[in-house]
């Protein structure tokens, strides 16, 4: 049986995994992935695709956050996470 292809590029998934993020939800039909990490508190990263095929990210700090800490495009993921000390 062949593994179902994710809508998030493999190199992004590898980057997240190598930096201690754990994938906790992946919905290919919806184009939605959730990653979590504990680093000076709880962090959650939601990656989703829009109807126009673009990928966006919401970075949440704390499990009871009302609004995201940051909203950015998938292209900026490395810079955003490194700036916050969540990746090297």
PDB file of N, CA and C in Angstrom:
ATOM      1  N   UNK A   1       0.839  -1.179   0.000  1.00  0.00           N
ATOM      2  CA  UNK A   1       0.000   0.000   0.000  1.00  0.00           C
ATOM      3  C   UNK A   1       0.891   1.253   0.000  1.00  0.00           C
ATOM      4  N   UNK A   2       0.594   2.184  -0.849  1.00  0.00           N
ATOM      5  CA  UNK A   2       1.395   3.388  -0.993  1.00  0.00           C
ATOM      6  C   UNK A   2       0.975   4.442   0.024  1.00  0.00           C
ATOM      7  N   UNK A   3       1.983   5.131   0.582  1.00  0.00           N
ATOM      8  CA  UNK A   3       1.729   6.194   1.552  1.00  0.00           C
ATOM      9  C   UNK A   3       1.063   7.378   0.855  1.00  0.00           C
ATOM     10  N   UNK A   4       0.038   7.939   1.503  1.00  0.00           N
ATOM     11  CA  UNK A   4      -0.672   9.084   0.924  1.00  0.00           C
ATOM     12  C   UNK A   4       0.215  10.328   1.016  1.00  0.00           C
ATOM     13  N   UNK A   5       0.312  11.061  -0.059  1.00  0.00           N
ATOM     14  CA  UNK A   5       1.153  12.249  -0.127  1.00  0.00           C
ATOM     15  C   UNK A   5       0.532  13.396   0.660  1.00  0.00           C
ATOM     16  N   UNK A   6       1.339  14.077   1.462  1.00  0.00           N
ATOM     17  CA  UNK A   6       0.874  15.215   2.242  1.00  0.00           C
ATOM     18  C   UNK A   6       0.847  16.459   1.357  1.00  0.00           C
ATOM     19  N   UNK A   7       0.010  17.421   1.720  1.00  0.00           N
ATOM     20  CA  UNK A   7      -0.026  18.671   0.957  1.00  0.00           C
ATOM     21  C   UNK A   7       1.111  19.603   1.373  1.00  0.00           C
ATOM     22  N   UNK A   8       1.759  19.310   2.499  1.00  0.00           N
ATOM     23  CA  UNK A   8       2.905  20.091   2.977  1.00  0.00           C
ATOM     24  C   UNK A   8       4.165  19.448   2.395  1.00  0.00           C
ATOM     25  N   UNK A   9       5.065  20.252   1.813  1.00  0.00           N
ATOM     26  CA  UNK A   9       6.276  19.680   1.217  1.00  0.00           C
ATOM     27  C   UNK A   9       7.066  18.840   2.226  1.00  0.00           C
ATOM     28  N   UNK A  10       7.650  17.758   1.728  1.00  0.00           N
ATOM     29  CA  UNK A  10       8.412  16.842   2.580  1.00  0.00           C
ATOM     30  C   UNK A  10       9.550  17.559   3.303  1.00  0.00           C
ATOM     31  N   UNK A  11      10.204  18.522   2.640  1.00  0.00           N
ATOM     32  CA  UNK A  11      11.321  19.221   3.280  1.00  0.00           C
ATOM     33  C   UNK A  11      10.844  20.058   4.465  1.00  0.00           C
ATOM     34  N   UNK A  12       9.621  20.565   4.433  1.00  0.00           N
ATOM     35  CA  UNK A  12       9.074  21.320   5.565  1.00  0.00           C
ATOM     36  C   UNK A  12       8.770  20.368   6.713  1.00  0.00           C
ATOM     37  N   UNK A  13       8.171  19.223   6.400  1.00  0.00           N
ATOM     38  CA  UNK A  13       7.893  18.236   7.441  1.00  0.00           C
ATOM     39  C   UNK A  13       9.191  17.761   8.091  1.00  0.00           C
ATOM     40  N   UNK A  14      10.223  17.548   7.294  1.00  0.00           N
ATOM     41  CA  UNK A  14      11.522  17.121   7.821  1.00  0.00           C
ATOM     42  C   UNK A  14      12.104  18.203   8.730  1.00  0.00           C
ATOM     43  N   UNK A  15      12.044  19.457   8.305  1.00  0.00           N
ATOM     44  CA  UNK A  15      12.534  20.577   9.111  1.00  0.00           C
ATOM     45  C   UNK A  15      11.831  20.620  10.466  1.00  0.00           C
ATOM     46  N   UNK A  16      10.514  20.491  10.465  1.00  0.00           N
ATOM     47  CA  UNK A  16       9.755  20.530  11.714  1.00  0.00           C
ATOM     48  C   UNK A  16      10.123  19.354  12.615  1.00  0.00           C
ATOM     49  N   UNK A  17      10.169  18.157  12.063  1.00  0.00           N
ATOM     50  CA  UNK A  17      10.498  16.963  12.844  1.00  0.00           C
ATOM     51  C   UNK A  17      11.892  17.075  13.447  1.00  0.00           C
ATOM     52  N   UNK A  18      12.861  17.531  12.661  1.00  0.00           N
ATOM     53  CA  UNK A  18      14.236  17.663  13.147  1.00  0.00           C
ATOM     54  C   UNK A  18      14.360  18.716  14.239  1.00  0.00           C
ATOM     55  N   UNK A  19      13.398  19.619  14.325  1.00  0.00           N
ATOM     56  CA  UNK A  19      13.432  20.667  15.344  1.00  0.00           C
ATOM     57  C   UNK A  19      12.470  20.392  16.499  1.00  0.00           C
ATOM     58  N   UNK A  20      12.072  19.136  16.650  1.00  0.00           N
ATOM     59  CA  UNK A  20      11.308  18.726  17.815  1.00  0.00           C
ATOM     60  C   UNK A  20       9.809  18.908  17.741  1.00  0.00           C
ATOM     61  N   UNK A  21       9.274  19.232  16.576  1.00  0.00           N
ATOM     62  CA  UNK A  21       7.824  19.368  16.412  1.00  0.00           C
ATOM     63  C   UNK A  21       7.229  17.989  16.157  1.00  0.00           C
ATOM     64  N   UNK A  22       6.044  17.751  16.682  1.00  0.00           N
ATOM     65  CA  UNK A  22       5.342  16.484  16.491  1.00  0.00           C
ATOM     66  C   UNK A  22       4.036  16.731  15.740  1.00  0.00           C
ATOM     67  N   UNK A  23       3.849  15.980  14.651  1.00  0.00           N
ATOM     68  CA  UNK A  23       2.606  16.106  13.887  1.00  0.00           C
ATOM     69  C   UNK A  23       1.504  15.372  14.649  1.00  0.00           C
ATOM     70  N   UNK A  24       0.427  16.094  14.978  1.00  0.00           N
ATOM     71  CA  UNK A  24      -0.663  15.494  15.745  1.00  0.00           C
ATOM     72  C   UNK A  24      -1.952  15.376  14.937  1.00  0.00           C
ATOM     73  N   UNK A  25      -2.019  16.041  13.796  1.00  0.00           N
ATOM     74  CA  UNK A  25      -3.228  15.976  12.970  1.00  0.00           C
ATOM     75  C   UNK A  25      -2.849  16.240  11.526  1.00  0.00           C
ATOM     76  N   UNK A  26      -3.388  15.438  10.621  1.00  0.00           N
ATOM     77  CA  UNK A  26      -3.118  15.615   9.195  1.00  0.00           C
ATOM     78  C   UNK A  26      -4.370  15.235   8.419  1.00  0.00           C
ATOM     79  N   UNK A  27      -5.013  16.209   7.813  1.00  0.00           N
ATOM     80  CA  UNK A  27      -6.215  15.958   7.027  1.00  0.00           C
ATOM     81  C   UNK A  27      -5.958  16.375   5.588  1.00  0.00           C
ATOM     82  N   UNK A  28      -5.630  15.396   4.770  1.00  0.00           N
ATOM     83  CA  UNK A  28      -5.322  15.678   3.371  1.00  0.00           C
ATOM     84  C   UNK A  28      -6.500  16.274   2.609  1.00  0.00           C
ATOM     85  N   UNK A  29      -7.717  15.743   2.759  1.00  0.00           N
ATOM     86  CA  UNK A  29      -8.828  16.331   1.996  1.00  0.00           C
ATOM     87  C   UNK A  29      -9.083  17.800   2.343  1.00  0.00           C
ATOM     88  N   UNK A  30      -8.915  18.154   3.615  1.00  0.00           N
ATOM     89  CA  UNK A  30      -9.143  19.536   4.053  1.00  0.00           C
ATOM     90  C   UNK A  30      -7.942  20.429   3.802  1.00  0.00           C
ATOM     91  N   UNK A  31      -6.749  19.831   3.662  1.00  0.00           N
ATOM     92  CA  UNK A  31      -5.539  20.622   3.541  1.00  0.00           C
ATOM     93  C   UNK A  31      -5.213  21.311   4.847  1.00  0.00           C
ATOM     94  N   UNK A  32      -5.088  20.502   5.918  1.00  0.00           N
ATOM     95  CA  UNK A  32      -4.905  21.047   7.259  1.00  0.00           C
ATOM     96  C   UNK A  32      -3.991  20.119   8.053  1.00  0.00           C
ATOM     97  N   UNK A  33      -2.941  20.686   8.645  1.00  0.00           N
ATOM     98  CA  UNK A  33      -2.028  19.923   9.498  1.00  0.00           C
ATOM     99  C   UNK A  33      -1.814  20.678  10.788  1.00  0.00           C
ATOM    100  N   UNK A  34      -1.674  19.943  11.889  1.00  0.00           N
ATOM    101  CA  UNK A  34      -1.379  20.548  13.182  1.00  0.00           C
ATOM    102  C   UNK A  34      -0.129  19.900  13.760  1.00  0.00           C
ATOM    103  N   UNK A  35       0.783  20.746  14.229  1.00  0.00           N
ATOM    104  CA  UNK A  35       2.028  20.307  14.857  1.00  0.00           C
ATOM    105  C   UNK A  35       2.091  20.915  16.255  1.00  0.00           C
ATOM    106  N   UNK A  36       2.754  20.215  17.191  1.00  0.00           N
ATOM    107  CA  UNK A  36       2.886  20.721  18.556  1.00  0.00           C
ATOM    108  C   UNK A  36       4.321  20.568  19.035  1.00  0.00           C
ATOM    109  N   UNK A  37       4.682  21.477  19.962  1.00  0.00           N
ATOM    110  CA  UNK A  37       6.019  21.434  20.553  1.00  0.00           C
ATOM    111  C   UNK A  37       5.961  22.066  21.933  1.00  0.00           C
ATOM    112  N   UNK A  38       6.728  21.486  22.857  1.00  0.00           N
ATOM    113  CA  UNK A  38       6.896  22.084  24.181  1.00  0.00           C
ATOM    114  C   UNK A  38       8.287  22.693  24.229  1.00  0.00           C
ATOM    115  N   UNK A  39       8.357  24.007  24.314  1.00  0.00           N
ATOM    116  CA  UNK A  39       9.616  24.748  24.375  1.00  0.00           C
ATOM    117  C   UNK A  39       9.314  26.047  25.109  1.00  0.00           C
ATOM    118  N   UNK A  40       9.668  26.102  26.392  1.00  0.00           N
ATOM    119  CA  UNK A  40       9.294  27.253  27.220  1.00  0.00           C
ATOM    120  C   UNK A  40       7.791  27.466  27.122  1.00  0.00           C
ATOM    121  N   UNK A  41       7.059  26.385  27.273  1.00  0.00           N
ATOM    122  CA  UNK A  41       5.604  26.420  27.167  1.00  0.00           C
ATOM    123  C   UNK A  41       5.120  25.618  25.972  1.00  0.00           C
ATOM    124  N   UNK A  42       3.827  25.597  25.802  1.00  0.00           N
ATOM    125  CA  UNK A  42       3.182  24.819  24.743  1.00  0.00           C
ATOM    126  C   UNK A  42       3.000  25.677  23.495  1.00  0.00           C
ATOM    127  N   UNK A  43       3.369  25.131  22.344  1.00  0.00           N
ATOM    128  CA  UNK A  43       3.210  25.802  21.053  1.00  0.00           C
ATOM    129  C   UNK A  43       2.443  24.892  20.106  1.00  0.00           C
ATOM    130  N   UNK A  44       1.615  25.495  19.281  1.00  0.00           N
ATOM    131  CA  UNK A  44       0.886  24.738  18.268  1.00  0.00           C
ATOM    132  C   UNK A  44       0.993  25.482  16.941  1.00  0.00           C
ATOM    133  N   UNK A  45       1.309  24.741  15.908  1.00  0.00           N
ATOM    134  CA  UNK A  45       1.455  25.288  14.565  1.00  0.00           C
ATOM    135  C   UNK A  45       0.401  24.640  13.675  1.00  0.00           C
ATOM    136  N   UNK A  46      -0.434  25.453  13.064  1.00  0.00           N
ATOM    137  CA  UNK A  46      -1.469  24.957  12.155  1.00  0.00           C
ATOM    138  C   UNK A  46      -1.107  25.408  10.739  1.00  0.00           C
ATOM    139  N   UNK A  47      -0.968  24.446   9.845  1.00  0.00           N
ATOM    140  CA  UNK A  47      -0.670  24.724   8.439  1.00  0.00           C
ATOM    141  C   UNK A  47      -1.905  24.340   7.638  1.00  0.00           C
ATOM    142  N   UNK A  48      -2.367  25.253   6.801  1.00  0.00           N
ATOM    143  CA  UNK A  48      -3.563  24.951   6.010  1.00  0.00           C
ATOM    144  C   UNK A  48      -3.417  25.530   4.610  1.00  0.00           C
ATOM    145  N   UNK A  49      -4.129  24.928   3.684  1.00  0.00           N
ATOM    146  CA  UNK A  49      -4.108  25.439   2.315  1.00  0.00           C
ATOM    147  C   UNK A  49      -5.442  26.100   2.010  1.00  0.00           C
ATOM    148  N   UNK A  50      -5.373  27.142   1.207  1.00  0.00           N
ATOM    149  CA  UNK A  50      -6.574  27.867   0.815  1.00  0.00           C
ATOM    150  C   UNK A  50      -7.025  27.386  -0.561  1.00  0.00           C
ATOM    151  N   UNK A  51      -8.182  27.842  -0.977  1.00  0.00           N
ATOM    152  CA  UNK A  51      -8.734  27.411  -2.268  1.00  0.00           C
ATOM    153  C   UNK A  51      -7.840  27.778  -3.450  1.00  0.00           C
ATOM    154  N   UNK A  52      -7.051  28.838  -3.292  1.00  0.00           N
ATOM    155  CA  UNK A  52      -6.166  29.246  -4.389  1.00  0.00           C
ATOM    156  C   UNK A  52      -4.844  28.471  -4.391  1.00  0.00           C
ATOM    157  N   UNK A  53      -4.706  27.478  -3.493  1.00  0.00           N
ATOM    158  CA  UNK A  53      -3.523  26.629  -3.474  1.00  0.00           C
ATOM    159  C   UNK A  53      -2.377  27.137  -2.628  1.00  0.00           C
ATOM    160  N   UNK A  54      -2.550  28.246  -1.965  1.00  0.00           N
ATOM    161  CA  UNK A  54      -1.491  28.785  -1.106  1.00  0.00           C
ATOM    162  C   UNK A  54      -1.534  28.120   0.264  1.00  0.00           C
ATOM    163  N   UNK A  55      -0.390  28.138   0.939  1.00  0.00           N
ATOM    164  CA  UNK A  55      -0.279  27.560   2.276  1.00  0.00           C
ATOM    165  C   UNK A  55      -0.063  28.681   3.290  1.00  0.00           C
ATOM    166  N   UNK A  56      -0.816  28.633   4.358  1.00  0.00           N
ATOM    167  CA  UNK A  56      -0.700  29.625   5.425  1.00  0.00           C
ATOM    168  C   UNK A  56      -0.481  28.913   6.748  1.00  0.00           C
ATOM    169  N   UNK A  57       0.078  29.631   7.722  1.00  0.00           N
ATOM    170  CA  UNK A  57       0.378  29.061   9.031  1.00  0.00           C
ATOM    171  C   UNK A  57      -0.121  29.987  10.129  1.00  0.00           C
ATOM    172  N   UNK A  58      -0.627  29.376  11.184  1.00  0.00           N
ATOM    173  CA  UNK A  58      -0.969  30.087  12.414  1.00  0.00           C
ATOM    174  C   UNK A  58      -0.139  29.467  13.521  1.00  0.00           C
ATOM    175  N   UNK A  59       0.587  30.300  14.259  1.00  0.00           N
ATOM    176  CA  UNK A  59       1.407  29.831  15.371  1.00  0.00           C
ATOM    177  C   UNK A  59       0.754  30.287  16.665  1.00  0.00           C
ATOM    178  N   UNK A  60       0.386  29.324  17.498  1.00  0.00           N
ATOM    179  CA  UNK A  60      -0.316  29.593  18.751  1.00  0.00           C
ATOM    180  C   UNK A  60       0.612  29.334  19.927  1.00  0.00           C
ATOM    181  N   UNK A  61       0.555  30.187  20.943  1.00  0.00           N
ATOM    182  CA  UNK A  61       1.338  29.992  22.168  1.00  0.00           C
ATOM    183  C   UNK A  61       0.366  29.763  23.315  1.00  0.00           C
ATOM    184  N   UNK A  62       0.448  28.587  23.921  1.00  0.00           N
ATOM    185  CA  UNK A  62      -0.446  28.247  25.022  1.00  0.00           C
ATOM    186  C   UNK A  62      -1.712  27.592  24.516  1.00  0.00           C
ATOM    187  N   UNK A  63      -2.220  26.654  25.292  1.00  0.00           N
ATOM    188  CA  UNK A  63      -3.392  25.894  24.856  1.00  0.00           C
ATOM    189  C   UNK A  63      -4.685  26.687  24.949  1.00  0.00           C
ATOM    190  N   UNK A  64      -4.668  27.797  25.675  1.00  0.00           N
ATOM    191  CA  UNK A  64      -5.890  28.596  25.819  1.00  0.00           C
ATOM    192  C   UNK A  64      -5.796  29.944  25.101  1.00  0.00           C
ATOM    193  N   UNK A  65      -4.907  30.034  24.109  1.00  0.00           N
ATOM    194  CA  UNK A  65      -4.723  31.283  23.366  1.00  0.00           C
ATOM    195  C   UNK A  65      -5.991  31.644  22.600  1.00  0.00           C
ATOM    196  N   UNK A  66      -6.311  32.925  22.608  1.00  0.00           N
ATOM    197  CA  UNK A  66      -7.498  33.419  21.913  1.00  0.00           C
ATOM    198  C   UNK A  66      -7.174  33.776  20.463  1.00  0.00           C
ATOM    199  N   UNK A  67      -5.974  34.292  20.251  1.00  0.00           N
ATOM    200  CA  UNK A  67      -5.556  34.627  18.887  1.00  0.00           C
ATOM    201  C   UNK A  67      -4.133  34.120  18.669  1.00  0.00           C
ATOM    202  N   UNK A  68      -3.760  33.871  17.420  1.00  0.00           N
ATOM    203  CA  UNK A  68      -2.422  33.338  17.143  1.00  0.00           C
ATOM    204  C   UNK A  68      -1.327  34.344  17.467  1.00  0.00           C
ATOM    205  N   UNK A  69      -0.185  33.818  17.850  1.00  0.00           N
ATOM    206  CA  UNK A  69       1.020  34.610  18.089  1.00  0.00           C
ATOM    207  C   UNK A  69       1.529  35.195  16.767  1.00  0.00           C
ATOM    208  N   UNK A  70       1.382  34.422  15.698  1.00  0.00           N
ATOM    209  CA  UNK A  70       1.837  34.865  14.375  1.00  0.00           C
ATOM    210  C   UNK A  70       1.011  34.180  13.289  1.00  0.00           C
ATOM    211  N   UNK A  71       0.785  34.898  12.202  1.00  0.00           N
ATOM    212  CA  UNK A  71       0.125  34.367  11.006  1.00  0.00           C
ATOM    213  C   UNK A  71       1.069  34.670   9.844  1.00  0.00           C
ATOM    214  N   UNK A  72       1.425  33.646   9.069  1.00  0.00           N
ATOM    215  CA  UNK A  72       2.435  33.841   8.030  1.00  0.00           C
ATOM    216  C   UNK A  72       2.263  32.793   6.937  1.00  0.00           C
ATOM    217  N   UNK A  73       2.965  33.011   5.829  1.00  0.00           N
ATOM    218  CA  UNK A  73       2.912  32.045   4.725  1.00  0.00           C
ATOM    219  C   UNK A  73       3.907  30.919   5.000  1.00  0.00           C
ATOM    220  N   UNK A  74       3.689  29.789   4.376  1.00  0.00           N
ATOM    221  CA  UNK A  74       4.563  28.636   4.570  1.00  0.00           C
ATOM    222  C   UNK A  74       5.999  28.951   4.158  1.00  0.00           C
ATOM    223  N   UNK A  75       6.178  29.835   3.190  1.00  0.00           N
ATOM    224  CA  UNK A  75       7.533  30.215   2.753  1.00  0.00           C
ATOM    225  C   UNK A  75       8.354  30.815   3.876  1.00  0.00           C
ATOM    226  N   UNK A  76       7.704  31.435   4.863  1.00  0.00           N
ATOM    227  CA  UNK A  76       8.397  32.125   5.954  1.00  0.00           C
ATOM    228  C   UNK A  76       8.589  31.259   7.189  1.00  0.00           C
ATOM    229  N   UNK A  77       8.230  29.987   7.134  1.00  0.00           N
ATOM    230  CA  UNK A  77       8.191  29.163   8.337  1.00  0.00           C
ATOM    231  C   UNK A  77       9.543  29.076   9.046  1.00  0.00           C
ATOM    232  N   UNK A  78      10.618  28.907   8.300  1.00  0.00           N
ATOM    233  CA  UNK A  78      11.939  28.787   8.933  1.00  0.00           C
ATOM    234  C   UNK A  78      12.304  30.057   9.693  1.00  0.00           C
ATOM    235  N   UNK A  79      12.150  31.192   9.059  1.00  0.00           N
ATOM    236  CA  UNK A  79      12.512  32.463   9.694  1.00  0.00           C
ATOM    237  C   UNK A  79      11.658  32.739  10.926  1.00  0.00           C
ATOM    238  N   UNK A  80      10.361  32.502  10.834  1.00  0.00           N
ATOM    239  CA  UNK A  80       9.454  32.780  11.954  1.00  0.00           C
ATOM    240  C   UNK A  80       9.791  31.894  13.147  1.00  0.00           C
ATOM    241  N   UNK A  81       9.987  30.608  12.922  1.00  0.00           N
ATOM    242  CA  UNK A  81      10.282  29.696  14.029  1.00  0.00           C
ATOM    243  C   UNK A  81      11.660  29.959  14.624  1.00  0.00           C
ATOM    244  N   UNK A  82      12.637  30.266  13.798  1.00  0.00           N
ATOM    245  CA  UNK A  82      13.983  30.568  14.312  1.00  0.00           C
ATOM    246  C   UNK A  82      13.977  31.848  15.139  1.00  0.00           C
ATOM    247  N   UNK A  83      13.249  32.847  14.696  1.00  0.00           N
ATOM    248  CA  UNK A  83      13.174  34.115  15.419  1.00  0.00           C
ATOM    249  C   UNK A  83      12.624  33.924  16.828  1.00  0.00           C
ATOM    250  N   UNK A  84      11.744  32.957  17.004  1.00  0.00           N
ATOM    251  CA  UNK A  84      11.124  32.697  18.309  1.00  0.00           C
ATOM    252  C   UNK A  84      11.853  31.611  19.096  1.00  0.00           C
ATOM    253  N   UNK A  85      12.970  31.130  18.574  1.00  0.00           N
ATOM    254  CA  UNK A  85      13.736  30.097  19.260  1.00  0.00           C
ATOM    255  C   UNK A  85      13.095  28.720  19.209  1.00  0.00           C
ATOM    256  N   UNK A  86      12.220  28.492  18.232  1.00  0.00           N
ATOM    257  CA  UNK A  86      11.514  27.217  18.118  1.00  0.00           C
ATOM    258  C   UNK A  86      12.126  26.302  17.064  1.00  0.00           C
ATOM    259  N   UNK A  87      13.219  26.746  16.455  1.00  0.00           N
ATOM    260  CA  UNK A  87      13.940  25.949  15.461  1.00  0.00           C
ATOM    261  C   UNK A  87      15.358  26.496  15.362  1.00  0.00           C
ATOM    262  N   UNK A  88      16.253  25.647  14.861  1.00  0.00           N
ATOM    263  CA  UNK A  88      17.639  26.092  14.667  1.00  0.00           C
ATOM    264  C   UNK A  88      17.968  26.121  13.192  1.00  0.00           C
TER     265      UNK A  88
END
